[in-house]
Amino acid sequence: MGVPALLLQPLVENAVHHGIAHLVGGGEIRVSAKVRGNLLDIVVENSCDADRPVSRSTGLGLANVRGRVESMYGTRARMDVENEPETFKVLLALPASPVEAPRARPDR
């Protein structure tokens, strides 16, 4: 079981840039993971200012992560975003066990 390389990096970077960087007293970023049946649930959650200005960002980081998850796992995975006034949360549900790669055919 593993998380694809650099899948979480843009989520944590967004949590810093769009979340806790705007808090005068600092904030908190929480990354958690647990296996639930045949899924690996990963949550990246950060505190944020309820009165923060609307972001001018296009959401490229989130779109890139969503695209990678969809291209790697198709319908076997999911990414959800919860945007509350003081908390922003990204929830990933990935297959807990890797799919076997096709075996190479021996040369004939």
C-alpha atoms as a PDB file:
ATOM      1  CA  MET A   1       0.000   0.000   0.000  1.00  0.00           C
ATOM      2  CA  GLY A   2       1.406   3.375  -0.884  1.00  0.00           C
ATOM      3  CA  VAL A   3       0.517   6.896  -1.844  1.00  0.00           C
ATOM      4  CA  PRO A   4       1.685   8.021  -5.287  1.00  0.00           C
ATOM      5  CA  ALA A   5       4.738  10.275  -5.203  1.00  0.00           C
ATOM      6  CA  LEU A   6       3.974  13.974  -4.749  1.00  0.00           C
ATOM      7  CA  LEU A   7       0.209  13.455  -4.483  1.00  0.00           C
ATOM      8  CA  LEU A   8      -0.024  15.103  -1.053  1.00  0.00           C
ATOM      9  CA  GLN A   9       2.559  17.858  -1.644  1.00  0.00           C
ATOM     10  CA  PRO A  10       0.236  20.243  -3.553  1.00  0.00           C
ATOM     11  CA  LEU A  11      -2.499  19.709  -0.959  1.00  0.00           C
ATOM     12  CA  VAL A  12      -0.197  20.642   1.928  1.00  0.00           C
ATOM     13  CA  GLU A  13       1.219  23.550  -0.091  1.00  0.00           C
ATOM     14  CA  ASN A  14      -2.333  24.843  -0.677  1.00  0.00           C
ATOM     15  CA  ALA A  15      -3.081  24.435   3.037  1.00  0.00           C
ATOM     16  CA  VAL A  16      -0.153  26.712   3.839  1.00  0.00           C
ATOM     17  CA  HIS A  17      -0.608  29.246   1.049  1.00  0.00           C
ATOM     18  CA  HIS A  18      -4.393  29.593   1.050  1.00  0.00           C
ATOM     19  CA  GLY A  19      -5.060  28.633   4.666  1.00  0.00           C
ATOM     20  CA  ILE A  20      -2.742  29.196   7.587  1.00  0.00           C
ATOM     21  CA  ALA A  21      -0.640  31.904   5.906  1.00  0.00           C
ATOM     22  CA  HIS A  22      -3.616  34.253   6.342  1.00  0.00           C
ATOM     23  CA  LEU A  23      -3.966  33.604  10.075  1.00  0.00           C
ATOM     24  CA  VAL A  24      -2.229  36.137  12.338  1.00  0.00           C
ATOM     25  CA  GLY A  25      -1.793  33.614  15.125  1.00  0.00           C
ATOM     26  CA  GLY A  26      -0.784  30.787  12.818  1.00  0.00           C
ATOM     27  CA  GLY A  27      -2.831  27.723  12.185  1.00  0.00           C
ATOM     28  CA  GLU A  28      -2.789  23.999  11.995  1.00  0.00           C
ATOM     29  CA  ILE A  29      -2.454  21.497   9.171  1.00  0.00           C
ATOM     30  CA  ARG A  30      -3.478  17.935   9.903  1.00  0.00           C
ATOM     31  CA  VAL A  31      -2.720  14.987   7.636  1.00  0.00           C
ATOM     32  CA  SER A  32      -4.278  11.691   8.639  1.00  0.00           C
ATOM     33  CA  ALA A  33      -4.736   8.315   7.023  1.00  0.00           C
ATOM     34  CA  LYS A  34      -6.547   5.106   7.874  1.00  0.00           C
ATOM     35  CA  VAL A  35      -7.516   1.924   6.116  1.00  0.00           C
ATOM     36  CA  ARG A  36     -11.248   1.388   5.815  1.00  0.00           C
ATOM     37  CA  GLY A  37     -12.051  -1.912   4.158  1.00  0.00           C
ATOM     38  CA  ASN A  38     -10.342  -1.892   0.776  1.00  0.00           C
ATOM     39  CA  LEU A  39      -9.794   1.897   0.819  1.00  0.00           C
ATOM     40  CA  LEU A  40      -7.051   4.115   2.178  1.00  0.00           C
ATOM     41  CA  ASP A  41      -8.704   7.296   3.465  1.00  0.00           C
ATOM     42  CA  ILE A  42      -6.402  10.323   3.556  1.00  0.00           C
ATOM     43  CA  VAL A  43      -7.475  13.693   4.956  1.00  0.00           C
ATOM     44  CA  VAL A  44      -5.551  16.950   4.600  1.00  0.00           C
ATOM     45  CA  GLU A  45      -7.237  19.574   6.774  1.00  0.00           C
ATOM     46  CA  ASN A  46      -6.210  23.099   7.640  1.00  0.00           C
ATOM     47  CA  SER A  47      -7.561  25.963   9.648  1.00  0.00           C
ATOM     48  CA  CYS A  48      -8.362  29.143   7.754  1.00  0.00           C
ATOM     49  CA  ASP A  49      -9.730  32.621   8.338  1.00  0.00           C
ATOM     50  CA  ALA A  50     -13.515  32.720   8.152  1.00  0.00           C
ATOM     51  CA  ASP A  51     -13.246  36.282   6.810  1.00  0.00           C
ATOM     52  CA  ARG A  52     -10.578  35.473   4.239  1.00  0.00           C
ATOM     53  CA  PRO A  53     -10.891  37.183   0.897  1.00  0.00           C
ATOM     54  CA  VAL A  54     -12.123  35.122  -2.005  1.00  0.00           C
ATOM     55  CA  SER A  55      -9.149  33.469  -3.656  1.00  0.00           C
ATOM     56  CA  ARG A  56      -8.202  34.642  -7.122  1.00  0.00           C
ATOM     57  CA  SER A  57      -6.598  31.270  -7.692  1.00  0.00           C
ATOM     58  CA  THR A  58      -7.959  28.971 -10.363  1.00  0.00           C
ATOM     59  CA  GLY A  59      -7.700  25.906  -8.123  1.00  0.00           C
ATOM     60  CA  LEU A  60      -4.956  24.440 -10.301  1.00  0.00           C
ATOM     61  CA  GLY A  61      -3.387  22.421  -7.453  1.00  0.00           C
ATOM     62  CA  LEU A  62      -6.681  20.756  -6.550  1.00  0.00           C
ATOM     63  CA  ALA A  63      -7.499  20.162 -10.215  1.00  0.00           C
ATOM     64  CA  ASN A  64      -4.091  18.543 -10.786  1.00  0.00           C
ATOM     65  CA  VAL A  65      -4.520  16.209  -7.806  1.00  0.00           C
ATOM     66  CA  ARG A  66      -8.042  15.306  -8.890  1.00  0.00           C
ATOM     67  CA  GLY A  67      -6.818  14.616 -12.428  1.00  0.00           C
ATOM     68  CA  ARG A  68      -3.989  12.394 -11.185  1.00  0.00           C
ATOM     69  CA  VAL A  69      -6.334  10.433  -8.919  1.00  0.00           C
ATOM     70  CA  GLU A  70      -8.818   9.931 -11.755  1.00  0.00           C
ATOM     71  CA  SER A  71      -6.161   8.922 -14.288  1.00  0.00           C
ATOM     72  CA  MET A  72      -4.463   6.496 -11.890  1.00  0.00           C
ATOM     73  CA  TYR A  73      -7.501   4.876 -10.299  1.00  0.00           C
ATOM     74  CA  GLY A  74     -10.569   5.782 -12.359  1.00  0.00           C
ATOM     75  CA  THR A  75     -13.774   5.144 -10.454  1.00  0.00           C
ATOM     76  CA  ARG A  76     -11.948   3.098  -7.786  1.00  0.00           C
ATOM     77  CA  ALA A  77     -10.915   6.336  -6.026  1.00  0.00           C
ATOM     78  CA  ARG A  78     -12.534   9.570  -4.968  1.00  0.00           C
ATOM     79  CA  MET A  79     -11.547  13.097  -3.973  1.00  0.00           C
ATOM     80  CA  ASP A  80     -13.899  15.363  -2.041  1.00  0.00           C
ATOM     81  CA  VAL A  81     -13.413  18.929  -0.836  1.00  0.00           C
ATOM     82  CA  GLU A  82     -15.154  20.491   2.160  1.00  0.00           C
ATOM     83  CA  ASN A  83     -14.866  24.259   2.465  1.00  0.00           C
ATOM     84  CA  GLU A  84     -16.184  25.408   5.848  1.00  0.00           C
ATOM     85  CA  PRO A  85     -15.775  28.950   7.223  1.00  0.00           C
ATOM     86  CA  GLU A  86     -12.818  28.078   9.498  1.00  0.00           C
ATOM     87  CA  THR A  87     -11.669  24.761   8.031  1.00  0.00           C
ATOM     88  CA  PHE A  88     -10.720  23.517   4.579  1.00  0.00           C
ATOM     89  CA  LYS A  89     -10.526  19.766   4.074  1.00  0.00           C
ATOM     90  CA  VAL A  90      -9.545  17.493   1.198  1.00  0.00           C
ATOM     91  CA  LEU A  91     -10.574  13.861   1.512  1.00  0.00           C
ATOM     92  CA  LEU A  92      -9.003  11.189  -0.669  1.00  0.00           C
ATOM     93  CA  ALA A  93     -10.199   7.599  -0.846  1.00  0.00           C
ATOM     94  CA  LEU A  94      -7.665   5.453  -2.712  1.00  0.00           C
ATOM     95  CA  PRO A  95      -7.520   1.693  -3.214  1.00  0.00           C
ATOM     96  CA  ALA A  96      -5.690   0.240  -0.213  1.00  0.00           C
ATOM     97  CA  SER A  97      -3.948  -2.437  -2.241  1.00  0.00           C
ATOM     98  CA  PRO A  98      -2.184  -1.712  -5.494  1.00  0.00           C
ATOM     99  CA  VAL A  99      -3.517  -3.204  -8.676  1.00  0.00           C
ATOM    100  CA  GLU A 100      -1.156  -5.732 -10.135  1.00  0.00           C
ATOM    101  CA  ALA A 101       0.719  -4.413 -13.100  1.00  0.00           C
ATOM    102  CA  PRO A 102       0.352  -6.443 -16.288  1.00  0.00           C
ATOM    103  CA  ARG A 103       3.100  -9.008 -16.446  1.00  0.00           C
ATOM    104  CA  ALA A 104       5.532  -8.726 -19.302  1.00  0.00           C
ATOM    105  CA  ARG A 105       5.404 -11.580 -21.774  1.00  0.00           C
ATOM    106  CA  PRO A 106       8.644 -13.482 -22.123  1.00  0.00           C
ATOM    107  CA  ASP A 107      10.362 -13.135 -25.461  1.00  0.00           C
ATOM    108  CA  ARG A 108       9.581 -16.035 -27.752  1.00  0.00           C
END
